[in-house]
Amino acid sequence: MEYNSNITPKSGNLLISEPFLQDENFVRSVILLCENNENGSFGLVLNKLSILKIGDLIEDLNNFDDQVYVGGPVEQNTLHFIYHSSESLLNGSVELCSGVWWSGDFEELVDKIKLGQIDKANFRFFIGYSGWSEGQLKEELIEKTWIVCEQLDSDNLFNSSPDELWRLILRNMGGDFQVLANYPIDPRLN
């Protein structure tokens, strides 16, 4: 099976963990790559829920009950977000791919939430992030730790349950990846 390790992933691509990855931070993970350059890479795990709500972290938003995801094991004292929109809703947002935006002016976001101008179904909040130093991600791709998905379906990203996202994306990639989607976490159970 070709894991496309020769692809240089770019912002807006997904990194899908290989089926038998045992690192507890990344088992069955789907990571949205936000930045990938000569200095390293930055991404957010899309399918690992935390026990927190955004109102638990931001006092001004105590009645905003949107769930918070674990973006990765790095700097879990930081807060990040992405959103789905046909246009930028916040100053400083970066469009990762068509309709998916990363970051932006956080104070502006808080103000818009308070005014009821934000549809929380279109936002995802993350504590921490996933990071790779210079060359580290490339090495992990050669080792076949990650499968690169270049076609992001923003509807799946924002409307799928975290438990099903990993399988859904692999199925949608077609071919041999559909088979991987059905692999058990522990092959001894097969």
Protein backbone atom coordinates (compact mmCIF):
# COMPACT_ATOMS: atom_id res chain seq x y z
CA MET A 1 0.00 0.00 0.00
CA GLU A 2 1.34 3.44 -0.92
CA TYR A 3 1.33 5.79 2.05
CA ASN A 4 2.28 8.70 -0.21
CA SER A 5 5.43 9.47 1.80
CA ASN A 6 6.82 11.32 -1.22
CA ILE A 7 4.19 14.06 -0.83
CA THR A 8 5.23 17.25 0.89
CA PRO A 9 2.14 18.12 2.92
CA LYS A 10 0.96 21.70 2.93
CA SER A 11 -1.38 23.82 5.01
CA GLY A 12 -4.91 22.51 4.75
CA ASN A 13 -3.86 18.87 4.28
CA LEU A 14 -4.83 16.20 6.76
CA LEU A 15 -2.41 13.83 8.44
CA ILE A 16 -4.10 10.51 9.19
CA SER A 17 -2.31 8.28 11.70
CA GLU A 18 -1.47 4.83 10.44
CA PRO A 19 -3.73 2.13 11.91
CA PHE A 20 -1.25 0.65 14.39
CA LEU A 21 0.36 3.82 15.73
CA GLN A 22 0.72 3.25 19.47
CA ASP A 23 1.58 6.80 20.62
CA GLU A 24 -1.36 7.56 22.94
CA ASN A 25 -1.39 11.18 21.78
CA PHE A 26 -2.04 10.18 18.19
CA VAL A 27 -3.89 6.84 18.10
CA ARG A 28 -6.42 7.06 15.24
CA SER A 29 -5.77 10.81 14.94
CA VAL A 30 -6.74 13.15 12.16
CA ILE A 31 -4.57 16.27 12.19
CA LEU A 32 -5.30 19.42 10.24
CA LEU A 33 -1.94 20.79 9.14
CA CYS A 34 -1.99 24.56 9.67
CA GLU A 35 1.64 25.32 8.89
CA ASN A 36 4.47 23.37 7.27
CA ASN A 37 7.70 25.10 6.32
CA GLU A 38 11.48 24.84 6.67
CA ASN A 39 11.26 25.69 10.40
CA GLY A 40 8.82 22.91 11.28
CA SER A 41 5.13 22.08 11.29
CA PHE A 42 2.04 22.95 13.32
CA GLY A 43 -1.28 21.11 13.34
CA LEU A 44 -4.42 20.41 15.36
CA VAL A 45 -5.87 17.00 16.20
CA LEU A 46 -9.47 17.16 14.99
CA ASN A 47 -10.91 14.11 16.69
CA LYS A 48 -9.80 14.06 20.33
CA LEU A 49 -12.28 15.66 22.70
CA SER A 50 -11.22 17.08 26.04
CA ILE A 51 -13.48 17.16 29.10
CA LEU A 52 -13.64 20.97 28.89
CA LYS A 53 -16.07 23.44 27.40
CA ILE A 54 -14.90 26.82 26.10
CA GLY A 55 -16.77 28.54 28.96
CA ASP A 56 -14.56 26.64 31.42
CA LEU A 57 -11.49 28.31 29.92
CA ILE A 58 -12.70 31.83 29.12
CA GLU A 59 -14.61 33.51 31.93
CA ASP A 60 -16.40 35.91 29.56
CA LEU A 61 -17.86 32.91 27.72
CA ASN A 62 -19.22 30.95 30.69
CA ASN A 63 -22.56 30.38 28.95
CA PHE A 64 -20.95 29.32 25.64
CA ASP A 65 -20.91 25.54 26.00
CA ASP A 66 -18.93 24.56 22.91
CA GLN A 67 -16.73 21.50 23.47
CA VAL A 68 -12.94 21.88 23.44
CA TYR A 69 -10.68 19.42 21.60
CA VAL A 70 -7.13 18.40 22.46
CA GLY A 71 -5.11 19.85 19.59
CA GLY A 72 -2.02 17.92 20.62
CA PRO A 73 0.44 17.35 23.41
CA VAL A 74 2.40 20.59 22.95
CA GLU A 75 1.67 23.65 25.11
CA GLN A 76 -1.69 22.56 26.45
CA ASN A 77 -1.96 25.94 28.14
CA THR A 78 -2.69 27.55 24.76
CA LEU A 79 -6.02 27.90 22.98
CA HIS A 80 -6.46 27.65 19.20
CA PHE A 81 -9.45 27.58 16.89
CA ILE A 82 -10.59 26.91 13.35
CA TYR A 83 -13.88 27.72 11.68
CA HIS A 84 -15.93 26.95 8.60
CA SER A 85 -17.13 29.90 6.54
CA SER A 86 -17.24 31.02 2.93
CA GLU A 87 -15.41 34.20 3.98
CA SER A 88 -13.17 35.40 6.78
CA LEU A 89 -15.14 36.27 9.91
CA LEU A 90 -12.20 37.62 11.91
CA ASN A 91 -9.24 39.87 11.27
CA GLY A 92 -6.03 37.90 10.97
CA SER A 93 -7.63 34.57 10.03
CA VAL A 94 -5.71 32.36 7.61
CA GLU A 95 -7.60 30.34 5.01
CA LEU A 96 -6.15 26.82 5.06
CA CYS A 97 -8.33 25.55 2.24
CA SER A 98 -11.65 26.49 0.73
CA GLY A 99 -13.98 27.43 3.58
CA VAL A 100 -11.69 26.42 6.48
CA TRP A 101 -10.04 29.20 8.45
CA TRP A 102 -7.48 29.09 11.23
CA SER A 103 -7.05 31.57 14.06
CA GLY A 104 -7.74 35.28 13.95
CA ASP A 105 -8.38 38.13 16.36
CA PHE A 106 -9.48 36.39 19.56
CA GLU A 107 -10.94 39.52 21.21
CA GLU A 108 -13.05 40.08 18.10
CA LEU A 109 -14.23 36.47 18.33
CA VAL A 110 -15.20 36.84 22.00
CA ASP A 111 -17.13 40.04 21.19
CA LYS A 112 -19.00 38.33 18.33
CA ILE A 113 -19.84 35.36 20.54
CA LYS A 114 -21.25 37.68 23.22
CA LEU A 115 -23.34 39.46 20.57
CA GLY A 116 -24.67 36.16 19.22
CA GLN A 117 -23.01 36.70 15.83
CA ILE A 118 -21.18 33.36 15.83
CA ASP A 119 -22.69 30.00 14.93
CA LYS A 120 -20.84 27.69 17.29
CA ALA A 121 -21.46 24.72 14.98
CA ASN A 122 -18.92 26.29 12.61
CA PHE A 123 -16.14 26.66 15.22
CA ARG A 124 -13.74 24.20 16.83
CA PHE A 125 -11.58 25.13 19.82
CA PHE A 126 -8.40 23.29 20.81
CA ILE A 127 -6.10 23.25 23.82
CA GLY A 128 -2.53 22.59 22.82
CA TYR A 129 -1.28 21.66 19.39
CA SER A 130 0.78 19.10 17.50
CA GLY A 131 4.22 20.27 16.48
CA TRP A 132 7.20 18.95 14.58
CA SER A 133 10.69 20.41 14.48
CA GLU A 134 12.53 21.00 11.23
CA GLY A 135 12.57 17.77 9.18
CA GLN A 136 10.72 15.73 11.81
CA LEU A 137 7.43 15.45 9.91
CA LYS A 138 9.26 14.44 6.72
CA GLU A 139 11.03 11.68 8.67
CA GLU A 140 7.72 10.46 10.11
CA LEU A 141 6.24 10.35 6.61
CA ILE A 142 9.16 8.22 5.40
CA GLU A 143 8.58 5.91 8.40
CA LYS A 144 4.91 5.66 7.29
CA THR A 145 3.54 7.10 10.53
CA TRP A 146 1.14 9.39 8.64
CA ILE A 147 -1.05 9.14 5.58
CA VAL A 148 -1.46 12.47 3.80
CA CYS A 149 -4.95 13.40 2.64
CA GLU A 150 -4.82 16.36 0.28
CA GLN A 151 -8.59 16.65 -0.24
CA LEU A 152 -10.26 18.16 2.81
CA ASP A 153 -14.05 17.90 2.96
CA SER A 154 -14.99 20.69 5.36
CA ASP A 155 -18.51 19.29 5.80
CA ASN A 156 -17.08 16.01 7.12
CA LEU A 157 -14.67 17.91 9.30
CA PHE A 158 -17.32 19.94 11.10
CA ASN A 159 -20.29 17.55 10.96
CA SER A 160 -18.75 14.16 11.79
CA SER A 161 -18.43 12.66 15.23
CA PRO A 162 -14.85 12.59 16.53
CA ASP A 163 -15.10 8.81 16.94
CA GLU A 164 -15.88 8.29 13.26
CA LEU A 165 -13.70 10.93 11.58
CA TRP A 166 -10.57 8.77 11.16
CA ARG A 167 -12.52 5.94 9.48
CA LEU A 168 -14.66 8.29 7.40
CA ILE A 169 -11.69 10.09 5.87
CA LEU A 170 -9.89 6.85 5.02
CA ARG A 171 -13.06 5.45 3.43
CA ASN A 172 -13.48 8.62 1.39
CA MET A 173 -9.88 8.35 0.15
CA GLY A 174 -10.93 5.13 -1.58
CA GLY A 175 -8.85 2.23 -2.82
CA ASP A 176 -6.65 0.47 -0.28
CA PHE A 177 -7.34 3.18 2.29
CA GLN A 178 -10.90 1.86 2.61
CA VAL A 179 -9.41 -1.40 3.88
CA LEU A 180 -7.30 0.46 6.47
CA ALA A 181 -10.45 2.13 7.79
CA ASN A 182 -11.64 -1.26 9.03
CA TYR A 183 -8.43 -2.35 10.78
CA PRO A 184 -8.94 -3.01 14.49
CA ILE A 185 -6.85 -0.98 16.95
CA ASP A 186 -5.35 -4.24 18.23
CA PRO A 187 -4.82 -6.68 15.33
CA ARG A 188 -4.77 -9.61 17.79
CA LEU A 189 -8.51 -9.04 18.18
CA ASN A 190 -9.12 -9.66 14.50
